[in-house]
Amino acid sequence: MTDAASADILIDTDVCQGLGYCERVAAEIFHVDDDLGVAVAPDLVTGADSARAAVAAEELCPTRAISLRLHMA
């Protein structure tokens, strides 16, 4: 579990296959764009709950397309 207050999110669209695992665990952050065929997310999420959800999505991503930079409070 993380104590981060916010997280920068980067999705490598060359690696992402749009499988939707991130969307399943953090639908408030991630969305698979049907037209692009990849996950999209804001560049930054704030709040400990959102940061934890982003970490869960990063850990679950089978292609490791999600990278985070966590910012502590």
PDB file of N, CA and C in Angstrom:
ATOM      1  N   MET A   1       0.841  -1.180   0.000  1.00  0.00           N
ATOM      2  CA  MET A   1       0.000   0.000   0.000  1.00  0.00           C
ATOM      3  C   MET A   1       0.886   1.243   0.000  1.00  0.00           C
ATOM      4  N   THR A   2       0.405   2.302  -0.608  1.00  0.00           N
ATOM      5  CA  THR A   2       1.179   3.528  -0.723  1.00  0.00           C
ATOM      6  C   THR A   2       0.601   4.636   0.141  1.00  0.00           C
ATOM      7  N   ASP A   3       1.473   5.511   0.593  1.00  0.00           N
ATOM      8  CA  ASP A   3       1.048   6.691   1.332  1.00  0.00           C
ATOM      9  C   ASP A   3       1.167   7.930   0.456  1.00  0.00           C
ATOM     10  N   ALA A   4       1.215   7.760  -0.845  1.00  0.00           N
ATOM     11  CA  ALA A   4       1.369   8.878  -1.767  1.00  0.00           C
ATOM     12  C   ALA A   4       0.142   9.776  -1.744  1.00  0.00           C
ATOM     13  N   ALA A   5       0.386  11.067  -1.927  1.00  0.00           N
ATOM     14  CA  ALA A   5      -0.691  12.039  -1.970  1.00  0.00           C
ATOM     15  C   ALA A   5      -1.177  12.284  -3.396  1.00  0.00           C
ATOM     16  N   SER A   6      -0.322  11.968  -4.372  1.00  0.00           N
ATOM     17  CA  SER A   6      -0.691  12.111  -5.777  1.00  0.00           C
ATOM     18  C   SER A   6       0.239  11.249  -6.626  1.00  0.00           C
ATOM     19  N   ALA A   7      -0.114  11.122  -7.906  1.00  0.00           N
ATOM     20  CA  ALA A   7       0.703  10.309  -8.813  1.00  0.00           C
ATOM     21  C   ALA A   7       0.619  10.854 -10.226  1.00  0.00           C
ATOM     22  N   ASP A   8       1.783  10.979 -10.859  1.00  0.00           N
ATOM     23  CA  ASP A   8       1.834  11.254 -12.296  1.00  0.00           C
ATOM     24  C   ASP A   8       1.645   9.918 -13.004  1.00  0.00           C
ATOM     25  N   ILE A   9       0.854   9.912 -14.071  1.00  0.00           N
ATOM     26  CA  ILE A   9       0.562   8.675 -14.801  1.00  0.00           C
ATOM     27  C   ILE A   9       1.064   8.799 -16.234  1.00  0.00           C
ATOM     28  N   LEU A  10       1.766   7.786 -16.666  1.00  0.00           N
ATOM     29  CA  LEU A  10       2.211   7.703 -18.054  1.00  0.00           C
ATOM     30  C   LEU A  10       1.811   6.339 -18.590  1.00  0.00           C
ATOM     31  N   ILE A  11       1.129   6.333 -19.720  1.00  0.00           N
ATOM     32  CA  ILE A  11       0.751   5.078 -20.376  1.00  0.00           C
ATOM     33  C   ILE A  11       1.533   4.984 -21.680  1.00  0.00           C
ATOM     34  N   ASP A  12       2.299   3.924 -21.821  1.00  0.00           N
ATOM     35  CA  ASP A  12       3.052   3.679 -23.052  1.00  0.00           C
ATOM     36  C   ASP A  12       2.085   3.078 -24.067  1.00  0.00           C
ATOM     37  N   THR A  13       1.608   3.911 -24.963  1.00  0.00           N
ATOM     38  CA  THR A  13       0.605   3.462 -25.927  1.00  0.00           C
ATOM     39  C   THR A  13       1.165   2.515 -26.978  1.00  0.00           C
ATOM     40  N   ASP A  14       2.489   2.433 -27.068  1.00  0.00           N
ATOM     41  CA  ASP A  14       3.093   1.448 -27.969  1.00  0.00           C
ATOM     42  C   ASP A  14       3.053   0.048 -27.363  1.00  0.00           C
ATOM     43  N   VAL A  15       2.920  -0.020 -26.049  1.00  0.00           N
ATOM     44  CA  VAL A  15       2.919  -1.293 -25.328  1.00  0.00           C
ATOM     45  C   VAL A  15       1.506  -1.714 -24.929  1.00  0.00           C
ATOM     46  N   CYS A  16       0.671  -0.733 -24.589  1.00  0.00           N
ATOM     47  CA  CYS A  16      -0.700  -1.022 -24.141  1.00  0.00           C
ATOM     48  C   CYS A  16      -1.472  -1.763 -25.228  1.00  0.00           C
ATOM     49  N   GLN A  17      -2.196  -2.802 -24.809  1.00  0.00           N
ATOM     50  CA  GLN A  17      -3.020  -3.574 -25.739  1.00  0.00           C
ATOM     51  C   GLN A  17      -4.509  -3.344 -25.520  1.00  0.00           C
ATOM     52  N   GLY A  18      -4.849  -2.422 -24.611  1.00  0.00           N
ATOM     53  CA  GLY A  18      -6.258  -2.104 -24.373  1.00  0.00           C
ATOM     54  C   GLY A  18      -7.032  -3.233 -23.736  1.00  0.00           C
ATOM     55  N   LEU A  19      -6.380  -4.048 -22.921  1.00  0.00           N
ATOM     56  CA  LEU A  19      -7.034  -5.209 -22.313  1.00  0.00           C
ATOM     57  C   LEU A  19      -8.025  -4.825 -21.215  1.00  0.00           C
ATOM     58  N   GLY A  20      -7.848  -3.651 -20.617  1.00  0.00           N
ATOM     59  CA  GLY A  20      -8.830  -3.138 -19.665  1.00  0.00           C
ATOM     60  C   GLY A  20      -8.662  -3.544 -18.215  1.00  0.00           C
ATOM     61  N   TYR A  21      -7.566  -4.191 -17.877  1.00  0.00           N
ATOM     62  CA  TYR A  21      -7.352  -4.546 -16.467  1.00  0.00           C
ATOM     63  C   TYR A  21      -7.318  -3.297 -15.597  1.00  0.00           C
ATOM     64  N   CYS A  22      -6.663  -2.256 -16.077  1.00  0.00           N
ATOM     65  CA  CYS A  22      -6.568  -1.003 -15.321  1.00  0.00           C
ATOM     66  C   CYS A  22      -7.948  -0.399 -15.096  1.00  0.00           C
ATOM     67  N   GLU A  23      -8.775  -0.458 -16.115  1.00  0.00           N
ATOM     68  CA  GLU A  23     -10.126   0.089 -16.028  1.00  0.00           C
ATOM     69  C   GLU A  23     -10.967  -0.688 -15.016  1.00  0.00           C
ATOM     70  N   ARG A  24     -10.736  -1.975 -14.915  1.00  0.00           N
ATOM     71  CA  ARG A  24     -11.508  -2.794 -13.970  1.00  0.00           C
ATOM     72  C   ARG A  24     -11.187  -2.471 -12.521  1.00  0.00           C
ATOM     73  N   VAL A  25      -9.925  -2.171 -12.223  1.00  0.00           N
ATOM     74  CA  VAL A  25      -9.553  -1.905 -10.830  1.00  0.00           C
ATOM     75  C   VAL A  25      -9.568  -0.423 -10.483  1.00  0.00           C
ATOM     76  N   ALA A  26      -9.560   0.450 -11.496  1.00  0.00           N
ATOM     77  CA  ALA A  26      -9.527   1.889 -11.228  1.00  0.00           C
ATOM     78  C   ALA A  26     -10.299   2.649 -12.311  1.00  0.00           C
ATOM     79  N   ALA A  27     -11.578   2.322 -12.432  1.00  0.00           N
ATOM     80  CA  ALA A  27     -12.415   2.929 -13.476  1.00  0.00           C
ATOM     81  C   ALA A  27     -12.547   4.440 -13.318  1.00  0.00           C
ATOM     82  N   GLU A  28     -12.334   4.932 -12.104  1.00  0.00           N
ATOM     83  CA  GLU A  28     -12.404   6.377 -11.900  1.00  0.00           C
ATOM     84  C   GLU A  28     -11.194   7.099 -12.498  1.00  0.00           C
ATOM     85  N   ILE A  29     -10.175   6.333 -12.885  1.00  0.00           N
ATOM     86  CA  ILE A  29      -8.953   6.922 -13.443  1.00  0.00           C
ATOM     87  C   ILE A  29      -8.738   6.494 -14.894  1.00  0.00           C
ATOM     88  N   PHE A  30      -8.845   5.198 -15.162  1.00  0.00           N
ATOM     89  CA  PHE A  30      -8.482   4.643 -16.468  1.00  0.00           C
ATOM     90  C   PHE A  30      -9.720   4.317 -17.290  1.00  0.00           C
ATOM     91  N   HIS A  31      -9.578   4.488 -18.592  1.00  0.00           N
ATOM     92  CA  HIS A  31     -10.649   4.166 -19.539  1.00  0.00           C
ATOM     93  C   HIS A  31      -9.994   3.664 -20.822  1.00  0.00           C
ATOM     94  N   VAL A  32     -10.497   2.563 -21.356  1.00  0.00           N
ATOM     95  CA  VAL A  32      -9.988   2.073 -22.641  1.00  0.00           C
ATOM     96  C   VAL A  32     -10.775   2.779 -23.745  1.00  0.00           C
ATOM     97  N   ASP A  33     -10.062   3.539 -24.532  1.00  0.00           N
ATOM     98  CA  ASP A  33     -10.667   4.282 -25.634  1.00  0.00           C
ATOM     99  C   ASP A  33     -10.894   3.319 -26.796  1.00  0.00           C
ATOM    100  N   ASP A  34     -12.134   3.143 -27.178  1.00  0.00           N
ATOM    101  CA  ASP A  34     -12.475   2.194 -28.245  1.00  0.00           C
ATOM    102  C   ASP A  34     -11.871   2.579 -29.589  1.00  0.00           C
ATOM    103  N   ASP A  35     -11.772   3.870 -29.847  1.00  0.00           N
ATOM    104  CA  ASP A  35     -11.219   4.316 -31.131  1.00  0.00           C
ATOM    105  C   ASP A  35      -9.708   4.121 -31.197  1.00  0.00           C
ATOM    106  N   LEU A  36      -9.037   4.420 -30.086  1.00  0.00           N
ATOM    107  CA  LEU A  36      -7.578   4.295 -30.044  1.00  0.00           C
ATOM    108  C   LEU A  36      -7.114   2.870 -29.752  1.00  0.00           C
ATOM    109  N   GLY A  37      -7.956   2.117 -29.044  1.00  0.00           N
ATOM    110  CA  GLY A  37      -7.601   0.745 -28.691  1.00  0.00           C
ATOM    111  C   GLY A  37      -6.601   0.644 -27.557  1.00  0.00           C
ATOM    112  N   VAL A  38      -6.441   1.730 -26.807  1.00  0.00           N
ATOM    113  CA  VAL A  38      -5.514   1.759 -25.678  1.00  0.00           C
ATOM    114  C   VAL A  38      -6.175   2.448 -24.492  1.00  0.00           C
ATOM    115  N   ALA A  39      -5.574   2.261 -23.321  1.00  0.00           N
ATOM    116  CA  ALA A  39      -6.070   2.926 -22.116  1.00  0.00           C
ATOM    117  C   ALA A  39      -5.659   4.390 -22.128  1.00  0.00           C
ATOM    118  N   VAL A  40      -6.529   5.211 -21.577  1.00  0.00           N
ATOM    119  CA  VAL A  40      -6.230   6.629 -21.401  1.00  0.00           C
ATOM    120  C   VAL A  40      -6.487   6.977 -19.944  1.00  0.00           C
ATOM    121  N   ALA A  41      -5.788   8.002 -19.470  1.00  0.00           N
ATOM    122  CA  ALA A  41      -5.914   8.445 -18.089  1.00  0.00           C
ATOM    123  C   ALA A  41      -5.432   9.875 -17.998  1.00  0.00           C
ATOM    124  N   PRO A  42      -5.816  10.579 -16.938  1.00  0.00           N
ATOM    125  CA  PRO A  42      -5.261  11.923 -16.762  1.00  0.00           C
ATOM    126  C   PRO A  42      -3.759  11.825 -16.478  1.00  0.00           C
ATOM    127  N   ASP A  43      -3.055  12.912 -16.704  1.00  0.00           N
ATOM    128  CA  ASP A  43      -1.613  12.934 -16.450  1.00  0.00           C
ATOM    129  C   ASP A  43      -1.301  12.881 -14.958  1.00  0.00           C
ATOM    130  N   LEU A  44      -2.248  13.336 -14.125  1.00  0.00           N
ATOM    131  CA  LEU A  44      -2.026  13.428 -12.685  1.00  0.00           C
ATOM    132  C   LEU A  44      -3.310  13.088 -11.949  1.00  0.00           C
ATOM    133  N   VAL A  45      -3.189  12.294 -10.897  1.00  0.00           N
ATOM    134  CA  VAL A  45      -4.306  12.073  -9.975  1.00  0.00           C
ATOM    135  C   VAL A  45      -3.875  12.547  -8.595  1.00  0.00           C
ATOM    136  N   THR A  46      -4.817  13.078  -7.853  1.00  0.00           N
ATOM    137  CA  THR A  46      -4.516  13.558  -6.511  1.00  0.00           C
ATOM    138  C   THR A  46      -5.378  12.828  -5.497  1.00  0.00           C
ATOM    139  N   GLY A  47      -4.870  12.745  -4.286  1.00  0.00           N
ATOM    140  CA  GLY A  47      -5.571  12.054  -3.213  1.00  0.00           C
ATOM    141  C   GLY A  47      -5.008  10.659  -3.023  1.00  0.00           C
ATOM    142  N   ALA A  48      -4.919  10.270  -1.761  1.00  0.00           N
ATOM    143  CA  ALA A  48      -4.330   8.972  -1.431  1.00  0.00           C
ATOM    144  C   ALA A  48      -5.112   7.812  -2.038  1.00  0.00           C
ATOM    145  N   ASP A  49      -6.438   7.895  -2.035  1.00  0.00           N
ATOM    146  CA  ASP A  49      -7.245   6.802  -2.598  1.00  0.00           C
ATOM    147  C   ASP A  49      -6.991   6.642  -4.094  1.00  0.00           C
ATOM    148  N   SER A  50      -6.919   7.747  -4.805  1.00  0.00           N
ATOM    149  CA  SER A  50      -6.643   7.693  -6.246  1.00  0.00           C
ATOM    150  C   SER A  50      -5.236   7.180  -6.519  1.00  0.00           C
ATOM    151  N   ALA A  51      -4.274   7.606  -5.711  1.00  0.00           N
ATOM    152  CA  ALA A  51      -2.900   7.118  -5.890  1.00  0.00           C
ATOM    153  C   ALA A  51      -2.833   5.619  -5.656  1.00  0.00           C
ATOM    154  N   ARG A  52      -3.527   5.125  -4.641  1.00  0.00           N
ATOM    155  CA  ARG A  52      -3.556   3.670  -4.381  1.00  0.00           C
ATOM    156  C   ARG A  52      -4.204   2.927  -5.538  1.00  0.00           C
ATOM    157  N   ALA A  53      -5.279   3.475  -6.091  1.00  0.00           N
ATOM    158  CA  ALA A  53      -5.941   2.831  -7.229  1.00  0.00           C
ATOM    159  C   ALA A  53      -5.016   2.796  -8.443  1.00  0.00           C
ATOM    160  N   ALA A  54      -4.270   3.870  -8.666  1.00  0.00           N
ATOM    161  CA  ALA A  54      -3.329   3.907  -9.785  1.00  0.00           C
ATOM    162  C   ALA A  54      -2.226   2.869  -9.603  1.00  0.00           C
ATOM    163  N   VAL A  55      -1.740   2.713  -8.375  1.00  0.00           N
ATOM    164  CA  VAL A  55      -0.713   1.693  -8.087  1.00  0.00           C
ATOM    165  C   VAL A  55      -1.270   0.299  -8.360  1.00  0.00           C
ATOM    166  N   ALA A  56      -2.507   0.047  -7.944  1.00  0.00           N
ATOM    167  CA  ALA A  56      -3.124  -1.258  -8.187  1.00  0.00           C
ATOM    168  C   ALA A  56      -3.216  -1.537  -9.681  1.00  0.00           C
ATOM    169  N   ALA A  57      -3.587  -0.539 -10.461  1.00  0.00           N
ATOM    170  CA  ALA A  57      -3.685  -0.707 -11.914  1.00  0.00           C
ATOM    171  C   ALA A  57      -2.310  -0.955 -12.529  1.00  0.00           C
ATOM    172  N   GLU A  58      -1.311  -0.219 -12.060  1.00  0.00           N
ATOM    173  CA  GLU A  58       0.054  -0.411 -12.561  1.00  0.00           C
ATOM    174  C   GLU A  58       0.523  -1.839 -12.286  1.00  0.00           C
ATOM    175  N   GLU A  59       0.268  -2.325 -11.091  1.00  0.00           N
ATOM    176  CA  GLU A  59       0.710  -3.673 -10.717  1.00  0.00           C
ATOM    177  C   GLU A  59      -0.031  -4.759 -11.488  1.00  0.00           C
ATOM    178  N   LEU A  60      -1.280  -4.499 -11.854  1.00  0.00           N
ATOM    179  CA  LEU A  60      -2.097  -5.499 -12.538  1.00  0.00           C
ATOM    180  C   LEU A  60      -1.888  -5.521 -14.053  1.00  0.00           C
ATOM    181  N   CYS A  61      -1.376  -4.450 -14.614  1.00  0.00           N
ATOM    182  CA  CYS A  61      -1.237  -4.348 -16.069  1.00  0.00           C
ATOM    183  C   CYS A  61      -0.334  -5.472 -16.603  1.00  0.00           C
ATOM    184  N   PRO A  62      -0.870  -6.364 -17.453  1.00  0.00           N
ATOM    185  CA  PRO A  62      -0.076  -7.492 -17.937  1.00  0.00           C
ATOM    186  C   PRO A  62       1.027  -7.088 -18.915  1.00  0.00           C
ATOM    187  N   THR A  63       0.893  -5.932 -19.550  1.00  0.00           N
ATOM    188  CA  THR A  63       1.922  -5.507 -20.500  1.00  0.00           C
ATOM    189  C   THR A  63       2.890  -4.492 -19.894  1.00  0.00           C
ATOM    190  N   ARG A  64       2.652  -4.115 -18.645  1.00  0.00           N
ATOM    191  CA  ARG A  64       3.500  -3.136 -17.939  1.00  0.00           C
ATOM    192  C   ARG A  64       3.561  -1.807 -18.685  1.00  0.00           C
ATOM    193  N   ALA A  65       2.420  -1.401 -19.250  1.00  0.00           N
ATOM    194  CA  ALA A  65       2.347  -0.158 -20.014  1.00  0.00           C
ATOM    195  C   ALA A  65       2.175   1.072 -19.126  1.00  0.00           C
ATOM    196  N   ILE A  66       1.825   0.887 -17.866  1.00  0.00           N
ATOM    197  CA  ILE A  66       1.572   1.995 -16.950  1.00  0.00           C
ATOM    198  C   ILE A  66       2.807   2.266 -16.099  1.00  0.00           C
ATOM    199  N   SER A  67       3.217   3.529 -16.084  1.00  0.00           N
ATOM    200  CA  SER A  67       4.306   3.971 -15.218  1.00  0.00           C
ATOM    201  C   SER A  67       3.780   5.086 -14.327  1.00  0.00           C
ATOM    202  N   LEU A  68       4.184   5.064 -13.074  1.00  0.00           N
ATOM    203  CA  LEU A  68       3.758   6.079 -12.120  1.00  0.00           C
ATOM    204  C   LEU A  68       4.955   6.754 -11.502  1.00  0.00           C
ATOM    205  N   ARG A  69       4.787   8.010 -11.168  1.00  0.00           N
ATOM    206  CA  ARG A  69       5.723   8.717 -10.293  1.00  0.00           C
ATOM    207  C   ARG A  69       4.892   9.212  -9.117  1.00  0.00           C
ATOM    208  N   LEU A  70       5.142   8.645  -7.959  1.00  0.00           N
ATOM    209  CA  LEU A  70       4.362   8.958  -6.759  1.00  0.00           C
ATOM    210  C   LEU A  70       4.932  10.168  -6.056  1.00  0.00           C
ATOM    211  N   HIS A  71       4.050  11.008  -5.542  1.00  0.00           N
ATOM    212  CA  HIS A  71       4.422  12.185  -4.777  1.00  0.00           C
ATOM    213  C   HIS A  71       3.889  12.013  -3.360  1.00  0.00           C
ATOM    214  N   MET A  72       4.806  12.042  -2.414  1.00  0.00           N
ATOM    215  CA  MET A  72       4.415  11.860  -1.025  1.00  0.00           C
ATOM    216  C   MET A  72       3.861  13.172  -0.452  1.00  0.00           C
ATOM    217  N   ALA A  73       3.045  13.035   0.569  1.00  0.00           N
ATOM    218  CA  ALA A  73       2.435  14.214   1.203  1.00  0.00           C
ATOM    219  C   ALA A  73       3.478  15.033   1.931  1.00  0.00           C
TER     220      ALA A  73
END
